[in-house]
Amino acid sequence: MTIKLRHALLVTTLILFATPAITPACAQNAPGITDTEIKIGQTMPYTGPVTAFSTLGKGEIAYFKMINDRGGINGRKINLISLDDGYAPPKTVEQTRRLVEQEGVAFMFSSIGTATNTAVQRYLNSAKVPQLYIGSGASKFGNYKEFPYTIGGIQGTFRAEARIYARYILKEKPNAKIAILYQNDDYGRDYVAGVKDILGDKYASMVKEATYEFTDATIDSQIVSLQGAGADALIVAATPKFAAQAIRKVYDISWKPMFFLSNVAIWVSTVLEPAGIEKAVGIISSVYVKDPTDTGWDNDPGMKEWKAWITKYMPEVDPRDQNYVNSYNEGMVLVQALKQAGNNLSRENILKEALNIKDMQLPMMLPGIKVNTSPTDYYPIEEMQMMRWSGKQWVRFGDLLSGSL
């Protein structure tokens, strides 16, 4: 072999080895993504003690059906595989592993529950599978330093909500004796933490606590105990079944505290009607979305679009359930993130764009409340407005409030 030929071969070899560094190939798409499909997963409590929350998953399936009917995202149809976990963390682990390892989903989206999402958070982060816009307002899901692949839901955090209630109580009743009934897990404890944030060293002298397990049959004894402690303000941080029980029991024992109900339990059809709508008059809660039952929104373009969607894609459901509004909002934010990702649908880029939502005003979000995320802000929503049950509908009052310290 001549010297010139050996030199030519050497140069060619160096160019071949150098080429990837000079012109890198496009990032590989995530598993579950093809030229025609984006396969994503979630777990929902279609059975068990909190089936009322499963409306979120049903609504998201219907929302993506609309998106797919319109051509999908850059020609790709969204395939949401929504599996039942019964609100039981061990089942959540089993179903999540199935979705990732057998179904091959690109990422997890909007799975319901604080304890259930906690059960799979470390697994998903270790596998670098995005856990996007989860169905929980627990403040722990903003811990981006330890769990960078987990982003909170399109809702205010429970802790921020509790801070708003505590501030309101101090304003209206500075010397109040406060009772808190909460689910004995991270969901409920977030409300306790929020009240402590505001009361500080006064917490021990001002607050009486009572807890329940989500497997309990009733919370009647806890309500009676809290009344007996002389409380004149009550915060109920409960899921729909137990919220309805609390409303009914407070009324039946003629207890008349300043009554606050957690935002996740404000549904008319699954909470107030089972309890007795007349028994809920005066209860205070908070909101960040438009209420389909509020006639003040009848001519609102966003409400008209939402009603057209639910009429076409979910004609059999009760539109008073605001979880269908949450479905719409969650789905819309995810679609925006995927559109921003373009054709670079690696898990890393999907996560990057999910954390790059800027001043997004959703059609079904209260005016002035915008979705914002960033690499150091995993809480998409940080404001809400207070409201009171009139006996016919929730009536908003006051300005938009932030639950930040």
Protein backbone atom coordinates (compact mmCIF):
# COMPACT_ATOMS: atom_id res chain seq x y z
CA MET A 1 0.00 0.00 0.00
CA THR A 2 1.42 3.37 -0.95
CA ILE A 3 1.99 6.17 1.53
CA LYS A 4 -0.61 8.33 -0.27
CA LEU A 5 -3.26 5.59 -0.06
CA ARG A 6 -2.56 4.95 3.63
CA HIS A 7 -2.86 8.69 4.28
CA ALA A 8 -6.18 8.87 2.41
CA LEU A 9 -7.60 5.94 4.38
CA LEU A 10 -6.48 7.51 7.66
CA VAL A 11 -8.11 10.82 6.80
CA THR A 12 -11.34 9.04 5.78
CA THR A 13 -11.36 7.05 9.04
CA LEU A 14 -10.86 10.19 11.14
CA ILE A 15 -13.71 11.93 9.32
CA LEU A 16 -16.05 9.00 9.92
CA PHE A 17 -15.27 8.91 13.63
CA ALA A 18 -15.50 12.68 13.92
CA THR A 19 -18.80 13.05 12.08
CA PRO A 20 -21.14 12.36 15.06
CA ALA A 21 -19.44 15.07 17.09
CA ILE A 22 -19.70 17.58 14.26
CA THR A 23 -23.28 16.91 13.16
CA PRO A 24 -25.07 15.03 15.96
CA ALA A 25 -28.04 12.90 15.08
CA CYS A 26 -31.50 13.99 16.22
CA ALA A 27 -32.42 12.82 19.71
CA GLN A 28 -34.23 9.51 19.67
CA ASN A 29 -37.95 9.72 20.32
CA ALA A 30 -39.25 8.28 23.56
CA PRO A 31 -40.67 4.76 23.67
CA GLY A 32 -44.32 4.75 22.61
CA ILE A 33 -43.84 7.47 20.02
CA THR A 34 -44.03 6.69 16.33
CA ASP A 35 -44.77 8.73 13.25
CA THR A 36 -48.49 8.29 13.95
CA GLU A 37 -48.85 7.85 17.72
CA ILE A 38 -47.92 9.29 21.13
CA LYS A 39 -48.64 6.60 23.71
CA ILE A 40 -48.98 7.86 27.29
CA GLY A 41 -50.14 6.29 30.55
CA GLN A 42 -51.97 7.07 33.75
CA THR A 43 -53.56 5.37 36.75
CA MET A 44 -57.04 6.26 37.98
CA PRO A 45 -59.31 5.06 40.83
CA TYR A 46 -62.02 3.52 38.67
CA THR A 47 -62.80 1.30 41.67
CA GLY A 48 -62.30 1.77 45.41
CA PRO A 49 -63.08 4.53 47.91
CA VAL A 50 -62.53 7.59 45.69
CA THR A 51 -64.12 6.63 42.39
CA ALA A 52 -65.49 10.20 42.17
CA PHE A 53 -61.99 11.27 41.10
CA SER A 54 -62.03 8.92 38.11
CA THR A 55 -64.00 11.53 36.18
CA LEU A 56 -60.65 13.26 35.61
CA GLY A 57 -59.36 10.32 33.59
CA LYS A 58 -62.62 9.86 31.70
CA GLY A 59 -62.59 13.53 30.76
CA GLU A 60 -58.98 13.42 29.58
CA ILE A 61 -59.71 10.43 27.35
CA ALA A 62 -62.57 12.44 25.81
CA TYR A 63 -60.39 15.54 25.42
CA PHE A 64 -57.73 13.62 23.53
CA LYS A 65 -60.45 12.07 21.37
CA MET A 66 -61.29 15.61 20.26
CA ILE A 67 -57.61 16.39 19.60
CA ASN A 68 -57.26 13.19 17.56
CA ASP A 69 -60.39 13.97 15.56
CA ARG A 70 -58.73 17.23 14.62
CA GLY A 71 -55.62 15.46 13.33
CA GLY A 72 -53.65 14.99 16.53
CA ILE A 73 -50.35 16.75 17.17
CA ASN A 74 -48.17 17.09 14.09
CA GLY A 75 -50.02 14.13 12.63
CA ARG A 76 -49.60 11.95 15.71
CA LYS A 77 -52.66 10.70 17.60
CA ILE A 78 -52.57 10.62 21.40
CA ASN A 79 -53.19 7.16 22.84
CA LEU A 80 -53.91 7.52 26.57
CA ILE A 81 -53.87 4.16 28.37
CA SER A 82 -55.72 4.74 31.64
CA LEU A 83 -55.57 1.84 34.12
CA ASP A 84 -57.46 1.27 37.37
CA ASP A 85 -55.41 1.31 40.58
CA GLY A 86 -58.27 1.46 43.08
CA TYR A 87 -56.45 4.31 44.88
CA ALA A 88 -54.19 1.64 46.41
CA PRO A 89 -50.44 2.45 46.22
CA PRO A 90 -49.30 -1.18 45.72
CA LYS A 91 -51.69 -1.47 42.78
CA THR A 92 -50.43 1.87 41.46
CA VAL A 93 -46.90 0.48 41.46
CA GLU A 94 -48.03 -2.64 39.61
CA GLN A 95 -50.00 -0.73 36.98
CA THR A 96 -47.33 1.93 36.48
CA ARG A 97 -44.64 -0.69 35.91
CA ARG A 98 -46.96 -2.38 33.43
CA LEU A 99 -47.45 0.89 31.56
CA VAL A 100 -43.74 1.65 31.40
CA GLU A 101 -42.25 -1.81 30.95
CA GLN A 102 -44.95 -3.67 29.00
CA GLU A 103 -47.07 -1.03 27.26
CA GLY A 104 -44.02 1.12 26.56
CA VAL A 105 -45.59 4.53 27.25
CA ALA A 106 -43.57 7.66 26.60
CA PHE A 107 -44.48 9.19 29.97
CA MET A 108 -47.08 9.23 32.73
CA PHE A 109 -49.73 11.93 32.78
CA SER A 110 -52.23 13.18 35.36
CA SER A 111 -52.39 10.06 37.54
CA ILE A 112 -54.64 10.70 40.55
CA GLY A 113 -53.61 10.72 44.18
CA THR A 114 -50.93 11.93 46.56
CA ALA A 115 -50.07 8.58 48.14
CA THR A 116 -50.37 6.77 44.82
CA ASN A 117 -48.07 9.15 42.96
CA THR A 118 -45.62 9.06 45.84
CA ALA A 119 -45.48 5.27 45.56
CA VAL A 120 -44.14 5.45 41.98
CA GLN A 121 -42.26 8.74 42.06
CA ARG A 122 -38.83 7.30 42.84
CA TYR A 123 -39.24 4.50 40.29
CA LEU A 124 -40.24 6.88 37.50
CA ASN A 125 -37.49 9.38 38.29
CA SER A 126 -34.85 6.65 38.44
CA ALA A 127 -36.01 5.43 35.03
CA LYS A 128 -36.15 9.05 33.78
CA VAL A 129 -39.79 8.67 32.79
CA PRO A 130 -41.60 12.03 33.06
CA GLN A 131 -44.46 12.09 35.59
CA LEU A 132 -46.34 15.06 34.18
CA TYR A 133 -49.06 17.29 35.63
CA ILE A 134 -50.10 14.73 38.23
CA GLY A 135 -53.55 14.70 39.77
CA SER A 136 -52.51 16.01 43.16
CA GLY A 137 -51.96 19.41 44.71
CA ALA A 138 -49.45 18.15 47.27
CA SER A 139 -46.61 20.63 47.67
CA LYS A 140 -44.07 17.80 47.81
CA PHE A 141 -44.41 17.37 44.05
CA GLY A 142 -42.57 20.63 43.47
CA ASN A 143 -39.31 19.19 44.83
CA TYR A 144 -37.46 19.49 41.52
CA LYS A 145 -34.00 19.02 43.02
CA GLU A 146 -34.72 15.50 44.25
CA PHE A 147 -37.39 14.51 41.70
CA PRO A 148 -36.78 16.47 38.47
CA TYR A 149 -39.11 14.25 36.38
CA THR A 150 -42.23 14.95 38.50
CA ILE A 151 -44.38 18.04 37.82
CA GLY A 152 -47.41 19.05 39.88
CA GLY A 153 -50.93 19.28 38.53
CA ILE A 154 -52.76 22.19 36.93
CA GLN A 155 -54.18 23.21 40.30
CA GLY A 156 -53.25 25.20 43.36
CA THR A 157 -51.34 23.29 46.01
CA PHE A 158 -53.11 22.02 49.10
CA ARG A 159 -50.63 23.84 51.31
CA ALA A 160 -51.25 27.16 49.55
CA GLU A 161 -55.00 26.62 49.81
CA ALA A 162 -54.72 26.04 53.56
CA ARG A 163 -52.69 29.23 53.98
CA ILE A 164 -55.48 31.19 52.29
CA TYR A 165 -58.07 29.72 54.68
CA ALA A 166 -55.91 30.39 57.73
CA ARG A 167 -55.40 34.02 56.72
CA TYR A 168 -59.13 34.45 56.21
CA ILE A 169 -59.89 32.96 59.64
CA LEU A 170 -57.41 35.29 61.36
CA LYS A 171 -58.96 38.25 59.58
CA GLU A 172 -62.56 37.35 60.46
CA LYS A 173 -62.00 35.65 63.83
CA PRO A 174 -58.57 36.53 65.26
CA ASN A 175 -59.17 34.44 68.39
CA ALA A 176 -60.77 31.48 66.65
CA LYS A 177 -60.46 27.94 67.89
CA ILE A 178 -59.75 25.99 64.71
CA ALA A 179 -60.58 22.37 64.04
CA ILE A 180 -58.93 20.45 61.19
CA LEU A 181 -60.24 17.11 59.94
CA TYR A 182 -57.84 15.59 57.45
CA GLN A 183 -56.98 12.38 55.67
CA ASN A 184 -54.04 10.74 57.41
CA ASP A 185 -51.55 10.93 54.56
CA ASP A 186 -49.48 13.50 52.69
CA TYR A 187 -52.62 14.97 51.13
CA GLY A 188 -54.18 15.78 54.47
CA ARG A 189 -50.94 16.74 56.19
CA ASP A 190 -50.32 19.42 53.57
CA TYR A 191 -53.34 21.33 54.93
CA VAL A 192 -51.97 21.10 58.45
CA ALA A 193 -48.61 22.38 57.21
CA GLY A 194 -50.29 25.30 55.44
CA VAL A 195 -52.17 26.38 58.58
CA LYS A 196 -48.96 26.07 60.61
CA ASP A 197 -47.20 28.31 58.09
CA ILE A 198 -49.63 31.11 58.98
CA LEU A 199 -50.23 30.53 62.69
CA GLY A 200 -46.65 29.74 63.61
CA ASP A 201 -46.19 29.22 67.36
CA LYS A 202 -49.90 29.92 67.95
CA TYR A 203 -50.83 26.67 66.20
CA ALA A 204 -50.73 24.44 69.27
CA SER A 205 -53.06 26.66 71.28
CA MET A 206 -55.46 27.49 68.44
CA VAL A 207 -55.90 24.18 66.61
CA LYS A 208 -57.49 20.82 67.38
CA GLU A 209 -56.75 18.02 64.90
CA ALA A 210 -58.60 14.86 63.93
CA THR A 211 -57.67 12.36 61.23
CA TYR A 212 -59.31 9.57 59.27
CA GLU A 213 -58.06 6.74 57.06
CA PHE A 214 -59.41 6.54 53.52
CA THR A 215 -60.51 2.98 54.32
CA ASP A 216 -62.70 4.12 57.25
CA ALA A 217 -66.45 3.69 57.04
CA THR A 218 -67.36 7.02 58.63
CA ILE A 219 -65.91 10.16 60.22
CA ASP A 220 -68.91 10.93 62.47
CA SER A 221 -67.02 10.41 65.73
CA GLN A 222 -64.26 12.80 64.64
CA ILE A 223 -66.77 15.55 63.87
CA VAL A 224 -68.44 15.13 67.28
CA SER A 225 -65.03 15.25 68.99
CA LEU A 226 -64.03 18.44 67.20
CA GLN A 227 -67.30 20.11 68.13
CA GLY A 228 -66.74 19.06 71.73
CA ALA A 229 -63.37 20.78 71.71
CA GLY A 230 -65.17 24.11 71.31
CA ALA A 231 -63.94 24.91 67.80
CA ASP A 232 -65.70 27.72 65.95
CA ALA A 233 -63.84 27.28 62.64
CA LEU A 234 -63.55 24.00 60.77
CA ILE A 235 -61.29 22.99 57.88
CA VAL A 236 -62.20 19.68 56.23
CA ALA A 237 -59.40 18.31 54.06
CA ALA A 238 -61.21 15.26 52.75
CA THR A 239 -61.96 13.34 49.59
CA PRO A 240 -65.56 13.47 48.27
CA LYS A 241 -67.07 10.57 50.24
CA PHE A 242 -65.83 11.85 53.59
CA ALA A 243 -66.49 15.48 52.72
CA ALA A 244 -70.15 14.62 52.17
CA GLN A 245 -70.25 12.80 55.50
CA ALA A 246 -68.68 15.78 57.26
CA ILE A 247 -71.20 18.23 55.81
CA ARG A 248 -74.11 16.03 56.82
CA LYS A 249 -72.83 15.36 60.36
CA VAL A 250 -71.95 19.01 61.09
CA TYR A 251 -75.49 19.97 60.10
CA ASP A 252 -77.16 17.13 61.98
CA ILE A 253 -75.50 18.01 65.30
CA SER A 254 -76.39 21.71 64.83
CA TRP A 255 -72.75 22.77 64.85
CA LYS A 256 -72.27 26.12 63.11
CA PRO A 257 -68.54 26.77 62.69
CA MET A 258 -66.98 28.86 59.95
CA PHE A 259 -66.69 25.87 57.61
CA PHE A 260 -63.96 25.46 54.96
CA LEU A 261 -64.03 22.60 52.46
CA SER A 262 -60.99 21.51 50.46
CA ASN A 263 -61.13 22.32 46.76
CA VAL A 264 -60.97 18.66 45.72
CA ALA A 265 -64.39 18.07 47.31
CA ILE A 266 -66.53 20.90 45.94
CA TRP A 267 -68.45 18.84 43.38
CA VAL A 268 -72.21 19.27 43.44
CA SER A 269 -73.17 15.84 42.13
CA THR A 270 -70.73 13.74 44.17
CA VAL A 271 -70.47 15.74 47.41
CA LEU A 272 -73.13 18.40 47.99
CA GLU A 273 -76.13 16.48 46.71
CA PRO A 274 -75.30 13.27 48.64
CA ALA A 275 -74.83 15.40 51.76
CA GLY A 276 -77.91 17.54 51.12
CA ILE A 277 -77.37 20.84 49.34
CA GLU A 278 -79.29 22.74 52.00
CA LYS A 279 -76.87 21.40 54.63
CA ALA A 280 -73.92 22.97 52.86
CA VAL A 281 -75.18 26.57 52.80
CA GLY A 282 -72.44 28.97 53.88
CA ILE A 283 -69.52 26.58 53.38
CA ILE A 284 -66.40 28.31 52.04
CA SER A 285 -63.91 26.89 49.58
CA SER A 286 -61.63 28.10 46.81
CA VAL A 287 -61.55 27.85 43.04
CA TYR A 288 -59.31 28.59 40.07
CA VAL A 289 -61.52 27.36 37.22
CA LYS A 290 -64.81 28.53 35.74
CA ASP A 291 -67.92 26.87 37.18
CA PRO A 292 -70.22 25.43 34.49
CA THR A 293 -73.23 26.02 36.77
CA ASP A 294 -72.53 29.75 37.13
CA THR A 295 -74.86 31.49 34.68
CA GLY A 296 -72.51 34.47 34.67
CA TRP A 297 -70.31 32.49 32.28
CA ASP A 298 -73.09 31.61 29.83
CA ASN A 299 -71.86 34.04 27.16
CA ASP A 300 -68.19 33.43 27.80
CA PRO A 301 -66.42 32.06 24.67
CA GLY A 302 -64.33 29.62 26.71
CA MET A 303 -67.40 28.23 28.46
CA LYS A 304 -69.22 27.87 25.15
CA GLU A 305 -66.31 25.89 23.72
CA TRP A 306 -66.16 23.68 26.81
CA LYS A 307 -69.91 22.99 26.73
CA ALA A 308 -69.72 22.14 23.03
CA TRP A 309 -66.91 19.67 23.79
CA ILE A 310 -68.62 17.94 26.69
CA THR A 311 -71.94 17.79 24.83
CA LYS A 312 -70.31 16.09 21.84
CA TYR A 313 -67.77 13.85 23.52
CA MET A 314 -69.38 13.11 26.92
CA PRO A 315 -73.14 13.56 26.50
CA GLU A 316 -73.90 11.03 29.24
CA VAL A 317 -72.06 12.74 32.12
CA ASP A 318 -73.13 15.35 34.67
CA PRO A 319 -71.47 18.59 33.48
CA ARG A 320 -71.73 20.08 36.97
CA ASP A 321 -68.74 17.95 38.03
CA GLN A 322 -65.84 20.41 37.78
CA ASN A 323 -63.39 17.54 37.36
CA TYR A 324 -64.39 17.63 33.70
CA VAL A 325 -63.17 21.21 33.64
CA ASN A 326 -59.90 20.04 35.17
CA SER A 327 -59.66 17.31 32.50
CA TYR A 328 -60.00 19.94 29.81
CA ASN A 329 -57.37 22.18 31.39
CA GLU A 330 -54.85 19.38 32.03
CA GLY A 331 -55.23 18.05 28.50
CA MET A 332 -54.81 21.50 26.99
CA VAL A 333 -51.57 22.20 28.84
CA LEU A 334 -50.10 18.83 27.83
CA VAL A 335 -51.02 19.44 24.19
CA GLN A 336 -49.26 22.81 24.36
CA ALA A 337 -46.10 21.18 25.75
CA LEU A 338 -46.15 18.51 23.03
CA LYS A 339 -46.67 21.12 20.31
CA GLN A 340 -43.68 23.06 21.65
CA ALA A 341 -41.61 19.88 21.55
CA GLY A 342 -42.24 19.62 17.80
CA ASN A 343 -40.64 16.53 16.30
CA ASN A 344 -38.06 16.20 19.06
CA LEU A 345 -40.10 13.86 21.23
CA SER A 346 -37.39 12.45 23.45
CA ARG A 347 -38.36 12.17 27.08
CA GLU A 348 -35.82 14.86 27.95
CA ASN A 349 -37.28 17.36 25.48
CA ILE A 350 -40.88 16.59 26.44
CA LEU A 351 -39.93 17.29 30.07
CA LYS A 352 -38.11 20.47 29.03
CA GLU A 353 -41.16 21.81 27.22
CA ALA A 354 -43.53 20.78 30.02
CA LEU A 355 -41.39 23.10 32.15
CA ASN A 356 -41.53 25.90 29.61
CA ILE A 357 -45.18 26.97 29.74
CA LYS A 358 -45.37 30.76 29.82
CA ASP A 359 -48.40 32.87 30.82
CA MET A 360 -50.88 30.39 29.37
CA GLN A 361 -54.45 31.64 29.91
CA LEU A 362 -56.69 28.60 29.64
CA PRO A 363 -60.25 29.19 28.35
CA MET A 364 -61.69 27.49 31.45
CA MET A 365 -59.38 29.10 34.00
CA LEU A 366 -60.53 32.17 35.94
CA PRO A 367 -59.40 35.40 34.24
CA GLY A 368 -56.02 36.48 35.52
CA ILE A 369 -54.88 33.01 36.55
CA LYS A 370 -52.21 31.79 34.15
CA VAL A 371 -50.20 28.60 33.85
CA ASN A 372 -46.47 29.08 34.29
CA THR A 373 -43.72 26.52 34.69
CA SER A 374 -39.93 26.70 34.60
CA PRO A 375 -36.96 24.48 35.52
CA THR A 376 -37.23 25.89 39.05
CA ASP A 377 -41.02 26.23 39.25
CA TYR A 378 -42.94 22.95 39.23
CA TYR A 379 -46.20 24.50 40.46
CA PRO A 380 -48.23 25.46 37.35
CA ILE A 381 -50.96 27.33 39.29
CA GLU A 382 -50.38 29.56 42.31
CA GLU A 383 -53.53 31.68 42.65
CA MET A 384 -57.16 31.05 43.47
CA GLN A 385 -60.32 32.86 44.56
CA MET A 386 -62.56 32.17 47.53
CA MET A 387 -66.19 31.14 47.11
CA ARG A 388 -69.23 30.29 49.24
CA TRP A 389 -72.07 27.82 48.67
CA SER A 390 -75.39 29.70 48.41
CA GLY A 391 -77.67 26.70 48.39
CA LYS A 392 -77.94 26.83 44.60
CA GLN A 393 -74.40 27.43 43.41
CA TRP A 394 -70.90 28.44 44.43
CA VAL A 395 -70.54 32.24 44.56
CA ARG A 396 -67.06 33.70 44.22
CA PHE A 397 -66.01 36.65 46.35
CA GLY A 398 -62.95 38.81 46.88
CA ASP A 399 -59.82 39.18 44.78
CA LEU A 400 -57.49 36.53 43.41
CA LEU A 401 -55.29 35.32 46.25
CA SER A 402 -51.83 33.79 46.32
CA GLY A 403 -51.03 31.04 48.76
CA SER A 404 -47.34 31.83 48.75
CA LEU A 405 -45.60 33.01 51.89
